[in-house]
Structures are given as C-alpha cells and as structure tokens.
C-alpha cells in the first residue's frame, strides 16, 4: 500500500488491545526456577538454608548447566541442513526428564560449595534444572543466527535469538509474552496477550544460549540485549533483578556479563529510564525513537501519546550523563526503524540530525531497515538501499555517529520486529516460515564504486549546508525565499555552521581527488602524458 500523504502511515487494523494476563506463580514441586539471585535465596529459605548461600550456589549450578545442557537437550543445533535454513531442531532429551544428576550435580558438590548437607537433597528435589522448556529452533541459511522457541511453565511461549558476529556472539532475550506498546511496524505488538516473565526465566534464556554455543565448541555469549518480545521497562522488577544476576560475577562466574555488554531497549518508559540510569549506570540503553517529531511518532508508536518527545529526550540526556564516568561506557543508542514513505524522507533525516547533533558525543543512531513480519508486511515496506544510504549520510554529515544495523535471521523471522511466534500457517503456535532473503545494506554499500560514493557525499553535504544556511537566514532576519527551503527547523548556531562547512569541505576535497584519479586513468588509457 502506498501512502496518499507522504510521511503518514496507514492505520493498522487492530481488533482489540492485547489482553494483560497475570501468570500463575510456580508452586508445584519442580516448577520453581532458581536462575536468579532473589529466586535462589527464596528456594534456600524454603530448604532451611541461609540466603547467603545463593551466590555460590548459582555459580556452581550455572557452570554445570552451561557445560551440560546444550549437549543433553539439543542435537545438531547451529548446523543448518544442506540446502536451506533449519527447521525445528531435534531434542536429544526431553527437557522435563533432565535431572541435576545428568548435569553432574550431586549432593556432595553442593556441600563442597558450602551448602549444608541436609539442605542439598531438599534443594535438588524442589527445583528443576530446566525451567523454560525448549520446544523448537530455527537456524538461518548462513548459520549465523539461531532462533529458539521456549515454553514457560504455564504454556506461554517466547522466542530468544542467538546472533553470531565475527569475534562475538549476542543473545537477544525476551522480557514479556507479547507487548502492549502497539508499535505499528512490530509483529510482537500484534500478539493477543501480554504477560511478564520472571527474572529467572530471563536469566535462563542467556544460560541456554551459553550452553548451545559451548556445546558446539564456540565461545560463550559475549553480549546480551533486551530487544526480544516485550517492553523490558514495563517489567522492571523482573528485568532489574535479571540484570543484577547476569552482571554479577559472584552469581554466574565466568558466564556472567560485564554491564557494558548488556543493553536494555525501550520505546520510552521515562520513569524507568531514569531508574535504570540511577541503579545500573554501566548498562547500555537503546531508545526506540523511530520518528523525529511528536506527531509522526504518535502515528507509528501509539504509546508515544503518553510521553512528549521533550520528556523522552530529557530522560535520554539523564542516562547519558549518568554514564560519563562509568568504565567501559559506550554511546547511548537511538534506534530508528526506516519505513518506506513514512519516516525515511530528507526532512525526517534533517530533523533527526537537529535533535541528535547537540548529543553527538554521547549518542549513536542505529538505523534499522524495516523487516517484514507476517502481520506487518502488507502495511509497511523497507526503503531501497539508496534511500537508506541518503538518510544515513544526511544525519552523519552533521557530526552524528550513524550505523545501519546488519540484519541477521530475517529468513527465519528472527530479525528486529519479527518475533511473534508465527507458524508456517501464520498462527501463533509454532515457528515462522522463512522469508525471502534480501541483500544486506552493508554488503550493498561495500559494492558501490568509491567514485560514486564520493559524489553522493558531496551532494549530501551540500543538502545539509543548504538546510543550515536556510535556517541561519531565517534566524538572522533574512529573506527566506532567497535560500533553499527545508521543511525543518535547523540549528543556526555559528558552531553548527562551522561544522557543516568543514564537512562539506572535506567531502568536496574527496570528490576532487577521486575525479583527479579518474582523469589520470583516462589519460593513461589514451596514451596521453600526465
């Protein structure tokens, strides 16, 4: 569907808002999960042991789980069959039959860690090593991405994605069943129910990812991102407890993660953003902005109606300020899904640059070309690679760090915005069918001739310079009709104009050098002396 009015997305047909469900607590024997510091302390209480044993207990048990669960539960995970992406994986052992003894955990081991002998037997009987049951998996055609389907104790299911980059592996975890934020371009928002995961269920997703990688002879997971199903900051109690466990070396030992390698994504729950900055200043924040104006943001992110853009940016600044003195801190991420004909125009790029330029030293913009999902592809589409490049370079020309995300797992519905438990038939009870494979933007850009890229960079710099000149002319009381018109408010400060002039100058010099080299090659081909 093409839009009659540029920049305005069509209304998505929604039958009803997702139903909020209160999940039943784990009360039956064997249902309790101890993969969280608070949960482990509660289990120790029930077994008559001191809560202070929780950390050493988790350290011992998590190591045994990671080093044994992948081999016991999955068979051939991470190796796609010849000729295409993998289907549902074969379980080598039913998860509910896996016992602590199968993982090498016995009473003597727990006693050696300091747990009283009488409590060891009670604990092993009270909790199961596998709290979330693996029921399926899909592996991308290139083997770089694995999507796990995990069933919770009450039958609800979530998805977890393992992404293998060069030199590092990242796990994308879910924090809720479904999501109530209703982003129009995200398949998860179309699910009919929303329920919160426990902290232990979140941590166990990371442990499963560790176990899968270790079983395949690969290094364990290095990064974790809360970018799966759900709005993490709407489940703050569980997410904050999971963060505490995941980043505590005393809890998970060598399988813990430094806070700087954990990222929490949010569509903009301002009070919790501020709380995250206060309680976990070293943990990364990713703000899902997706639009540079309040009006457009409300159209594609319905929850934005409750949060003015100014409040959102103030919370972003507060988080960035809290990280200035954190060791290993990286730039705060601003995520922006590019939707063809909706938020990918030149005006949107320039307005986004205007918002981010004052924050350029502390913010990195992450552009995400739209990934089609079963419930969203009829409404939206991804912009072409040249449009993505233009958007990226216009923002970058203002001194803002901008990257285009390399999408992984699109062929198994495991990329950003695709997690919705859609089956091959389209229902929410299985594994999504593979989507058509498309060339990644990064690969496309690498194929472009340097001369062409240099020429386009000159054009982008000129566009930005014209926008700044137009705004400066208006700010100085000049006649706006004498300068190029740009439908955005621009930064008119002298410092900004100097930066833009320098950017344009560098781009122009680059173009001249490239043109000179081309001329020398042409003269050489004709035998004309240089």
Protein backbone atom coordinates (compact mmCIF):
# COMPACT_ATOMS: atom_id res chain seq x y z
CA UNK A 1 0.00 0.00 0.00
CA UNK A 2 1.40 3.39 -0.99
CA UNK A 3 0.52 6.41 1.03
CA UNK A 4 -1.62 9.23 -0.29
CA UNK A 5 0.16 11.66 2.01
CA UNK A 6 3.96 11.26 2.36
CA UNK A 7 5.11 10.70 5.91
CA UNK A 8 1.75 9.46 7.16
CA UNK A 9 1.42 5.69 7.68
CA UNK A 10 -1.89 3.93 7.03
CA UNK A 11 -3.95 2.95 10.03
CA UNK A 12 -3.35 -0.62 11.11
CA UNK A 13 -6.46 -2.66 11.61
CA UNK A 14 -6.40 -3.90 15.20
CA UNK A 15 -9.27 -5.98 16.52
CA UNK A 16 -8.58 -5.21 20.16
CA UNK A 17 -5.81 -4.27 22.54
CA UNK A 18 -3.77 -7.21 23.85
CA UNK A 19 -5.15 -8.81 26.99
CA UNK A 20 -2.97 -8.42 30.05
CA UNK A 21 -2.65 -11.76 31.86
CA UNK A 22 -1.40 -12.46 35.36
CA UNK A 23 0.77 -15.53 35.15
CA UNK A 24 0.36 -18.14 37.85
CA UNK A 25 3.28 -18.41 40.28
CA UNK A 26 5.47 -21.50 40.37
CA UNK A 27 4.12 -23.50 43.29
CA UNK A 28 4.25 -27.16 42.27
CA UNK A 29 7.38 -29.22 43.08
CA UNK A 30 9.89 -28.96 40.26
CA UNK A 31 8.30 -25.80 38.79
CA UNK A 32 10.46 -23.35 40.68
CA UNK A 33 13.47 -21.87 38.88
CA UNK A 34 16.47 -20.63 40.80
CA UNK A 35 18.40 -18.89 37.98
CA UNK A 36 18.04 -15.51 39.69
CA UNK A 37 19.62 -14.26 42.90
CA UNK A 38 16.27 -13.44 44.55
CA UNK A 39 14.67 -16.74 43.45
CA UNK A 40 17.68 -18.73 44.65
CA UNK A 41 17.52 -17.04 48.05
CA UNK A 42 13.81 -17.89 48.35
CA UNK A 43 14.49 -21.54 47.48
CA UNK A 44 17.24 -21.69 50.11
CA UNK A 45 14.82 -20.24 52.65
CA UNK A 46 12.33 -22.99 51.90
CA UNK A 47 15.07 -25.62 52.23
CA UNK A 48 16.18 -24.33 55.62
CA UNK A 49 19.48 -22.87 54.41
CA UNK A 50 20.87 -19.36 54.72
CA UNK A 51 20.12 -16.91 51.95
CA UNK A 52 23.81 -16.00 51.87
CA UNK A 53 24.47 -19.29 50.05
CA UNK A 54 22.60 -18.02 46.98
CA UNK A 55 25.57 -16.60 45.06
CA UNK A 56 28.00 -19.52 45.46
CA UNK A 57 25.13 -21.92 44.72
CA UNK A 58 24.25 -20.13 41.46
CA UNK A 59 27.90 -20.02 40.47
CA UNK A 60 28.28 -23.79 40.78
CA UNK A 61 24.93 -24.73 39.21
CA UNK A 62 25.14 -22.28 36.28
CA UNK A 63 28.55 -23.64 35.25
CA UNK A 64 27.20 -27.22 35.30
CA UNK A 65 24.10 -26.17 33.33
CA UNK A 66 26.04 -24.34 30.63
CA UNK A 67 28.57 -27.13 30.19
CA UNK A 68 25.98 -29.90 30.04
CA UNK A 69 22.54 -28.68 28.96
CA UNK A 70 23.41 -27.97 25.33
CA UNK A 71 24.69 -31.49 24.82
CA UNK A 72 21.81 -33.11 26.71
CA UNK A 73 18.88 -31.21 25.22
CA UNK A 74 19.71 -30.21 21.64
CA UNK A 75 21.19 -32.25 18.85
CA UNK A 76 22.82 -30.55 15.88
CA UNK A 77 21.80 -27.07 16.95
CA UNK A 78 23.57 -24.34 14.99
CA UNK A 79 24.28 -26.53 11.94
CA UNK A 80 21.76 -25.76 9.16
CA UNK A 81 20.75 -28.68 6.95
CA UNK A 82 22.10 -28.67 3.41
CA UNK A 83 20.06 -26.53 1.06
CA UNK A 84 18.38 -24.02 3.33
CA UNK A 85 17.52 -22.78 6.76
CA UNK A 86 16.96 -25.24 9.56
CA UNK A 87 13.58 -26.44 10.73
CA UNK A 88 12.52 -27.30 14.24
CA UNK A 89 15.51 -28.82 15.99
CA UNK A 90 15.57 -32.36 17.25
CA UNK A 91 15.58 -32.62 21.02
CA UNK A 92 18.11 -35.22 22.08
CA UNK A 93 16.47 -35.48 25.50
CA UNK A 94 13.07 -34.26 26.67
CA UNK A 95 13.80 -31.19 28.86
CA UNK A 96 11.41 -32.29 31.60
CA UNK A 97 13.41 -35.51 32.05
CA UNK A 98 16.74 -33.75 32.54
CA UNK A 99 17.83 -34.13 36.16
CA UNK A 100 20.55 -32.44 38.15
CA UNK A 101 22.42 -35.74 38.20
CA UNK A 102 22.52 -35.68 34.37
CA UNK A 103 24.42 -32.40 34.64
CA UNK A 104 26.87 -33.75 37.20
CA UNK A 105 25.23 -32.04 40.17
CA UNK A 106 25.10 -34.22 43.27
CA UNK A 107 24.68 -33.50 46.97
CA UNK A 108 28.40 -33.73 47.67
CA UNK A 109 29.10 -30.99 45.10
CA UNK A 110 26.64 -28.65 46.79
CA UNK A 111 28.05 -29.46 50.20
CA UNK A 112 31.53 -28.64 48.93
CA UNK A 113 30.24 -25.20 47.91
CA UNK A 114 29.17 -24.56 51.49
CA UNK A 115 25.54 -25.68 51.43
CA UNK A 116 24.53 -27.80 54.46
CA UNK A 117 24.14 -31.50 53.66
CA UNK A 118 20.53 -31.61 54.85
CA UNK A 119 19.57 -28.74 52.54
CA UNK A 120 21.27 -30.13 49.43
CA UNK A 121 18.86 -33.02 48.92
CA UNK A 122 15.83 -30.80 49.56
CA UNK A 123 17.03 -28.22 47.05
CA UNK A 124 17.70 -30.74 44.27
CA UNK A 125 14.19 -32.14 44.76
CA UNK A 126 12.50 -28.74 44.91
CA UNK A 127 13.78 -27.18 41.68
CA UNK A 128 14.29 -28.35 38.13
CA UNK A 129 17.42 -27.51 36.13
CA UNK A 130 15.27 -26.68 33.10
CA UNK A 131 12.61 -24.12 33.97
CA UNK A 132 11.77 -22.96 30.45
CA UNK A 133 11.24 -25.84 28.09
CA UNK A 134 12.89 -25.74 24.64
CA UNK A 135 10.32 -26.83 22.04
CA UNK A 136 11.83 -25.76 18.73
CA UNK A 137 14.56 -23.90 16.91
CA UNK A 138 15.35 -22.47 13.51
CA UNK A 139 18.79 -21.81 12.07
CA UNK A 140 19.39 -19.27 9.32
CA UNK A 141 20.76 -20.42 5.98
CA UNK A 142 24.20 -18.97 6.68
CA UNK A 143 24.33 -20.42 10.19
CA UNK A 144 24.85 -17.01 11.79
CA UNK A 145 21.51 -16.87 13.62
CA UNK A 146 19.53 -19.32 15.71
CA UNK A 147 16.02 -18.67 16.98
CA UNK A 148 14.84 -20.68 19.99
CA UNK A 149 11.21 -21.33 20.85
CA UNK A 150 10.87 -21.67 24.62
CA UNK A 151 7.78 -22.74 26.56
CA UNK A 152 7.18 -21.34 30.03
CA UNK A 153 5.71 -23.31 32.95
CA UNK A 154 2.13 -22.18 32.15
CA UNK A 155 2.26 -22.99 28.43
CA UNK A 156 3.02 -19.49 27.12
CA UNK A 157 5.89 -19.28 24.65
CA UNK A 158 8.63 -16.77 23.90
CA UNK A 159 11.46 -16.53 21.41
CA UNK A 160 15.17 -16.00 22.01
CA UNK A 161 17.66 -15.24 19.23
CA UNK A 162 21.38 -16.04 19.14
CA UNK A 163 23.39 -13.93 16.69
CA UNK A 164 26.97 -14.84 15.77
CA UNK A 165 29.16 -11.99 14.58
CA UNK A 166 32.86 -12.09 13.84
CA UNK A 167 34.57 -12.31 17.20
CA UNK A 168 31.46 -12.13 19.38
CA UNK A 169 28.06 -13.71 19.99
CA UNK A 170 24.99 -11.81 21.16
CA UNK A 171 21.79 -13.20 22.64
CA UNK A 172 18.54 -11.28 22.26
CA UNK A 173 16.22 -12.12 25.17
CA UNK A 174 12.50 -11.63 25.68
CA UNK A 175 11.13 -10.00 28.83
CA UNK A 176 7.39 -10.45 28.20
CA UNK A 177 4.95 -12.67 26.36
CA UNK A 178 3.73 -10.26 23.70
CA UNK A 179 3.90 -6.47 24.09
CA UNK A 180 1.35 -3.80 24.92
CA UNK A 181 3.16 -0.84 23.34
CA UNK A 182 1.48 -1.46 19.98
CA UNK A 183 4.22 -0.26 17.60
CA UNK A 184 2.54 -0.50 14.19
CA UNK A 185 5.59 -1.96 12.43
CA UNK A 186 6.41 -4.66 15.02
CA UNK A 187 4.95 -8.16 14.77
CA UNK A 188 5.22 -8.76 18.53
CA UNK A 189 2.67 -5.99 19.14
CA UNK A 190 0.04 -7.98 17.23
CA UNK A 191 0.03 -10.85 19.73
CA UNK A 192 -3.29 -11.12 21.62
CA UNK A 193 -1.90 -11.35 25.17
CA UNK A 194 0.78 -9.74 27.30
CA UNK A 195 2.36 -11.36 30.35
CA UNK A 196 5.53 -10.69 32.35
CA UNK A 197 8.41 -13.15 32.55
CA UNK A 198 10.08 -13.88 35.88
CA UNK A 199 13.67 -12.78 36.38
CA UNK A 200 14.82 -16.41 36.48
CA UNK A 201 13.13 -17.07 33.11
CA UNK A 202 15.05 -14.15 31.61
CA UNK A 203 18.38 -15.35 33.01
CA UNK A 204 17.74 -18.90 31.84
CA UNK A 205 17.44 -17.67 28.23
CA UNK A 206 21.03 -16.43 28.46
CA UNK A 207 22.16 -19.72 30.04
CA UNK A 208 20.56 -21.70 27.21
CA UNK A 209 22.42 -19.53 24.69
CA UNK A 210 25.69 -20.10 26.56
CA UNK A 211 25.01 -23.85 26.62
CA UNK A 212 24.27 -24.02 22.90
CA UNK A 213 27.46 -22.21 21.97
CA UNK A 214 29.66 -24.18 24.34
CA UNK A 215 28.20 -27.50 23.13
CA UNK A 216 29.08 -26.52 19.55
CA UNK A 217 32.67 -25.73 20.53
CA UNK A 218 32.22 -21.98 20.18
CA UNK A 219 32.98 -19.27 22.77
CA UNK A 220 30.13 -18.45 25.15
CA UNK A 221 27.85 -15.48 24.63
CA UNK A 222 29.59 -12.12 25.00
CA UNK A 223 26.67 -9.67 24.81
CA UNK A 224 23.01 -9.68 25.84
CA UNK A 225 20.35 -7.33 24.51
CA UNK A 226 16.83 -6.96 25.89
CA UNK A 227 15.36 -6.48 22.42
CA UNK A 228 13.21 -9.59 22.10
CA UNK A 229 9.50 -9.84 22.83
CA UNK A 230 8.03 -7.25 25.19
CA UNK A 231 8.85 -3.82 26.62
CA UNK A 232 11.58 -4.51 29.22
CA UNK A 233 10.89 -1.41 31.31
CA UNK A 234 7.23 -2.40 31.70
CA UNK A 235 8.52 -5.45 33.58
CA UNK A 236 11.01 -3.53 35.67
CA UNK A 237 11.03 -5.70 38.78
CA UNK A 238 12.00 -8.85 36.88
CA UNK A 239 14.32 -7.10 34.42
CA UNK A 240 16.24 -5.26 37.15
CA UNK A 241 16.67 -8.48 39.13
CA UNK A 242 17.83 -10.30 36.00
CA UNK A 243 20.35 -7.52 35.30
CA UNK A 244 21.72 -7.87 38.81
CA UNK A 245 22.22 -11.61 38.37
CA UNK A 246 23.58 -11.53 34.81
CA UNK A 247 26.24 -8.93 35.63
CA UNK A 248 27.33 -10.39 38.99
CA UNK A 249 30.47 -12.49 38.73
CA UNK A 250 29.71 -13.97 42.14
CA UNK A 251 26.46 -15.39 40.71
CA UNK A 252 27.40 -16.70 37.27
CA UNK A 253 31.20 -16.80 37.43
CA UNK A 254 32.84 -16.91 34.00
CA UNK A 255 29.40 -16.90 32.38
CA UNK A 256 28.45 -13.52 33.84
CA UNK A 257 28.46 -10.48 31.53
CA UNK A 258 30.08 -7.09 32.15
CA UNK A 259 27.37 -4.40 32.48
CA UNK A 260 28.84 -2.60 29.47
CA UNK A 261 27.94 -5.61 27.33
CA UNK A 262 24.28 -5.63 28.31
CA UNK A 263 21.76 -3.36 26.55
CA UNK A 264 18.17 -2.65 27.55
CA UNK A 265 15.88 -1.35 24.81
CA UNK A 266 12.79 0.74 25.48
CA UNK A 267 10.17 2.57 23.47
CA UNK A 268 10.24 5.26 26.13
CA UNK A 269 9.09 4.47 29.69
CA UNK A 270 10.57 7.66 31.14
CA UNK A 271 10.39 6.93 34.91
CA UNK A 272 12.11 3.56 34.40
CA UNK A 273 14.71 5.08 32.07
CA UNK A 274 15.69 7.39 34.90
CA UNK A 275 15.70 4.47 37.36
CA UNK A 276 17.90 2.42 35.02
CA UNK A 277 20.36 5.33 34.87
CA UNK A 278 20.44 5.54 38.66
CA UNK A 279 20.65 1.84 39.53
CA UNK A 280 22.56 0.45 36.53
CA UNK A 281 24.61 3.33 35.09
CA UNK A 282 27.02 0.98 33.30
CA UNK A 283 24.24 -0.91 31.47
CA UNK A 284 23.60 0.38 27.95
CA UNK A 285 20.30 1.97 26.95
CA UNK A 286 18.74 1.76 23.49
CA UNK A 287 15.89 4.21 22.91
CA UNK A 288 13.45 3.17 20.19
CA UNK A 289 12.72 6.61 18.74
CA UNK A 290 11.60 5.79 15.17
CA UNK A 291 10.41 9.32 14.36
CA UNK A 292 11.90 12.82 14.77
CA UNK A 293 8.64 14.61 15.62
CA UNK A 294 5.93 14.05 18.19
CA UNK A 295 3.16 13.93 15.58
CA UNK A 296 4.79 11.27 13.42
CA UNK A 297 5.91 9.26 16.43
CA UNK A 298 2.35 9.07 17.76
CA UNK A 299 1.22 7.66 14.41
CA UNK A 300 3.64 4.73 14.35
CA UNK A 301 4.27 4.30 18.11
CA UNK A 302 0.83 4.68 19.78
CA UNK A 303 2.29 4.69 23.31
CA UNK A 304 4.09 7.93 22.41
CA UNK A 305 0.85 9.79 23.06
CA UNK A 306 1.58 9.45 26.76
CA UNK A 307 5.15 10.80 26.52
CA UNK A 308 6.11 14.15 24.97
CA UNK A 309 9.25 14.00 22.87
CA UNK A 310 10.90 16.63 25.07
CA UNK A 311 10.47 14.43 28.17
CA UNK A 312 11.89 11.46 26.28
CA UNK A 313 14.98 13.38 25.20
CA UNK A 314 15.48 14.72 28.73
CA UNK A 315 15.49 11.13 30.05
CA UNK A 316 17.94 10.19 27.29
CA UNK A 317 20.24 13.03 28.38
CA UNK A 318 19.98 11.96 32.03
CA UNK A 319 21.02 8.43 31.15
CA UNK A 320 23.93 9.67 29.04
CA UNK A 321 25.06 11.93 31.90
CA UNK A 322 24.99 9.04 34.38
CA UNK A 323 27.42 7.07 32.19
CA UNK A 324 30.10 9.70 31.66
CA UNK A 325 32.29 8.30 34.41
CA UNK A 326 31.38 4.62 34.04
CA UNK A 327 34.35 2.45 32.98
CA UNK A 328 33.87 0.95 29.52
CA UNK A 329 30.74 3.01 28.84
CA UNK A 330 29.71 3.26 25.19
CA UNK A 331 27.44 5.72 23.42
CA UNK A 332 23.74 5.57 24.22
CA UNK A 333 21.90 4.06 21.27
CA UNK A 334 18.95 5.64 19.47
CA UNK A 335 17.11 3.11 17.31
CA UNK A 336 15.23 4.23 14.21
CA UNK A 337 13.28 1.77 12.05
CA UNK A 338 13.15 3.05 8.47
CA UNK A 339 9.70 2.66 6.88
CA UNK A 340 9.41 3.43 3.17
CA UNK A 341 7.35 6.56 2.54
CA UNK A 342 6.73 7.14 6.25
CA UNK A 343 9.84 8.28 8.12
CA UNK A 344 12.65 7.94 5.56
CA UNK A 345 12.40 11.31 3.78
CA UNK A 346 15.02 14.06 3.69
CA UNK A 347 13.02 16.23 6.09
CA UNK A 348 12.94 13.41 8.66
CA UNK A 349 16.69 12.87 8.31
CA UNK A 350 17.45 16.56 8.82
CA UNK A 351 15.09 16.86 11.79
CA UNK A 352 16.63 13.75 13.37
CA UNK A 353 20.06 15.30 12.86
CA UNK A 354 18.84 18.50 14.52
CA UNK A 355 17.76 16.52 17.59
CA UNK A 356 20.92 14.43 17.81
CA UNK A 357 23.63 16.97 16.85
CA UNK A 358 23.80 18.53 20.34
CA UNK A 359 24.11 15.00 21.75
CA UNK A 360 26.57 13.74 19.13
CA UNK A 361 29.33 12.94 21.62
CA UNK A 362 27.13 10.66 23.72
CA UNK A 363 24.63 9.16 21.25
CA UNK A 364 24.87 6.74 18.36
CA UNK A 365 21.97 6.42 15.91
CA UNK A 366 21.22 2.87 14.77
CA UNK A 367 19.14 2.73 11.58
CA UNK A 368 17.10 -0.45 11.08
CA UNK A 369 15.56 -1.01 7.63
CA UNK A 370 12.08 -2.47 8.17
CA UNK A 371 11.94 -6.26 8.47
CA UNK A 372 8.66 -7.67 7.15
CA UNK A 373 6.63 -9.77 9.58
CA UNK A 374 3.57 -11.90 8.87
CA UNK A 375 1.25 -9.20 10.27
CA UNK A 376 3.06 -6.04 9.14
CA UNK A 377 4.43 -6.64 5.65
CA UNK A 378 1.09 -5.74 3.99
CA UNK A 379 1.25 -2.29 5.63
CA UNK A 380 4.91 -1.31 5.54
CA UNK A 381 7.95 -1.97 3.40
CA UNK A 382 11.66 -1.29 3.68
CA UNK A 383 13.16 1.65 1.77
CA UNK A 384 15.61 0.93 -1.03
CA UNK A 385 19.31 0.83 -0.27
CA UNK A 386 19.97 4.25 -1.93
CA UNK A 387 17.28 5.81 0.29
CA UNK A 388 18.81 4.23 3.40
CA UNK A 389 22.24 5.50 2.39
CA UNK A 390 20.96 9.02 1.80
CA UNK A 391 19.21 9.08 5.18
CA UNK A 392 22.33 7.79 6.93
CA UNK A 393 24.71 10.22 5.28
CA UNK A 394 22.49 13.26 5.81
CA UNK A 395 22.46 12.61 9.55
CA UNK A 396 26.15 11.70 9.62
CA UNK A 397 27.07 14.93 7.82
CA UNK A 398 26.05 16.78 10.98
CA UNK A 399 28.64 15.03 13.09
CA UNK A 400 26.34 12.31 14.44
CA UNK A 401 27.57 8.71 14.52
CA UNK A 402 25.12 6.69 12.41
CA UNK A 403 25.19 2.99 11.66
CA UNK A 404 22.87 0.78 9.66
CA UNK A 405 22.17 -2.44 11.52
CA UNK A 406 23.19 -5.60 9.79
CA UNK A 407 20.02 -7.64 9.90
CA UNK A 408 20.51 -11.25 10.87
CA UNK A 409 17.95 -14.03 10.86
CA UNK A 410 15.46 -12.39 8.51
CA UNK A 411 14.99 -15.71 6.68
CA UNK A 412 13.83 -17.36 9.95
CA UNK A 413 11.70 -14.42 11.17
CA UNK A 414 14.31 -13.75 13.83
CA UNK A 415 15.25 -10.18 12.93
CA UNK A 416 14.18 -6.99 14.70
CA UNK A 417 10.39 -6.64 14.78
CA UNK A 418 9.68 -10.18 13.55
CA UNK A 419 9.26 -12.12 16.81
CA UNK A 420 5.63 -13.16 17.07
CA UNK A 421 5.62 -16.98 17.30
CA UNK A 422 4.01 -17.17 13.86
CA UNK A 423 3.80 -20.68 12.45
CA UNK A 424 4.20 -21.70 8.84
CA UNK A 425 0.46 -21.36 8.55
CA UNK A 426 0.54 -17.95 10.24
CA UNK A 427 -0.91 -18.89 13.62
CA UNK A 428 0.78 -18.18 16.92
CA UNK A 429 1.70 -21.70 17.91
CA UNK A 430 4.76 -22.71 16.01
CA UNK A 431 7.77 -21.50 14.11
CA UNK A 432 7.73 -18.85 11.42
CA UNK A 433 8.25 -19.79 7.80
CA UNK A 434 11.35 -18.42 6.13
CA UNK A 435 11.05 -15.04 4.45
CA UNK A 436 12.61 -14.18 1.11
CA UNK A 437 16.29 -13.41 1.52
CA UNK A 438 17.42 -9.89 0.65
CA UNK A 439 20.85 -8.35 0.27
CA UNK A 440 22.06 -6.63 3.39
CA UNK A 441 22.59 -2.86 3.13
CA UNK A 442 26.17 -3.09 4.39
CA UNK A 443 27.05 -5.62 1.67
CA UNK A 444 25.36 -3.42 -0.95
CA UNK A 445 27.27 -0.31 0.12
CA UNK A 446 30.59 -2.13 0.02
CA UNK A 447 29.94 -2.94 -3.65
CA UNK A 448 29.46 0.70 -4.62
CA UNK A 449 32.36 2.32 -6.54
CA UNK A 450 34.34 4.80 -4.47
CA UNK A 451 33.82 7.48 -7.11
CA UNK A 452 30.04 7.15 -6.86
CA UNK A 453 30.07 7.26 -3.07
CA UNK A 454 32.30 10.33 -3.07
CA UNK A 455 29.99 12.15 -5.50
CA UNK A 456 26.96 11.33 -3.40
CA UNK A 457 28.75 12.50 -0.25
CA UNK A 458 29.25 15.90 -1.88
CA UNK A 459 25.52 16.03 -2.61
CA UNK A 460 24.61 15.08 0.97
CA UNK A 461 26.97 17.70 2.42
CA UNK A 462 25.51 20.35 0.11
CA UNK A 463 21.97 19.45 1.20
CA UNK A 464 22.89 19.77 4.86
CA UNK A 465 24.76 23.03 4.26
CA UNK A 466 21.74 24.44 2.39
CA UNK A 467 19.48 23.48 5.28
CA UNK A 468 21.76 25.21 7.77
CA UNK A 469 22.06 28.30 5.58
CA UNK A 470 18.29 28.50 5.19
CA UNK A 471 17.76 28.28 8.93
CA UNK A 472 20.53 30.77 9.63
CA UNK A 473 18.99 33.19 7.14
CA UNK A 474 15.66 33.00 8.92
CA UNK A 475 17.31 33.36 12.33
CA UNK A 476 19.21 36.46 11.15
CA UNK A 477 16.03 38.05 9.78
CA UNK A 478 16.94 37.45 6.15
CA UNK A 479 14.55 36.72 3.30
CA UNK A 480 13.88 33.00 3.47
CA UNK A 481 12.85 32.97 -0.20
CA UNK A 482 16.48 33.69 -1.16
CA UNK A 483 17.81 30.46 0.34
CA UNK A 484 16.89 26.82 -0.30
CA UNK A 485 13.77 25.82 1.58
CA UNK A 486 13.97 22.90 4.02
CA UNK A 487 10.79 21.85 5.88
CA UNK A 488 12.51 21.53 9.26
CA UNK A 489 13.79 23.85 11.95
CA UNK A 490 17.59 23.84 11.79
CA UNK A 491 20.41 24.69 14.13
CA UNK A 492 21.56 28.23 13.34
CA UNK A 493 24.42 28.49 15.83
CA UNK A 494 27.82 29.58 14.43
CA UNK A 495 29.41 26.39 15.82
CA UNK A 496 26.98 24.24 13.88
CA UNK A 497 27.61 26.20 10.67
CA UNK A 498 31.36 25.77 11.08
CA UNK A 499 30.95 22.01 11.49
CA UNK A 500 28.74 21.83 8.42
CA UNK A 501 31.16 23.93 6.37
CA UNK A 502 34.06 21.68 7.40
CA UNK A 503 32.03 18.56 6.50
CA UNK A 504 31.16 19.99 3.09
CA UNK A 505 34.79 20.97 2.50
CA UNK A 506 36.10 17.50 3.32
CA UNK A 507 33.50 15.90 1.04
CA UNK A 508 34.36 18.29 -1.79
CA UNK A 509 38.10 17.61 -1.43
CA UNK A 510 37.42 13.88 -1.51
CA UNK A 511 35.41 14.26 -4.70
CA UNK A 512 38.17 16.32 -6.36
CA UNK A 513 40.81 13.69 -5.51
CA UNK A 514 38.65 10.89 -6.86
CA UNK A 515 37.93 12.84 -10.05
CA UNK A 516 41.66 13.54 -10.50
CA UNK A 517 42.47 9.83 -10.21
CA UNK A 518 39.78 9.02 -12.77
CA UNK A 519 41.19 11.64 -15.15
CA UNK A 520 44.70 10.18 -14.82
CA UNK A 521 43.41 6.68 -15.61
CA UNK A 522 41.57 8.04 -18.67
CA UNK A 523 44.65 9.86 -19.94
CA UNK A 524 46.75 6.76 -19.40
CA UNK A 525 44.30 4.61 -21.38
CA UNK A 526 44.57 7.05 -24.32
CA UNK A 527 48.36 7.25 -24.09
CA UNK A 528 48.29 10.94 -23.22
CA UNK A 529 51.22 12.05 -20.99
CA UNK A 530 50.22 13.14 -17.47
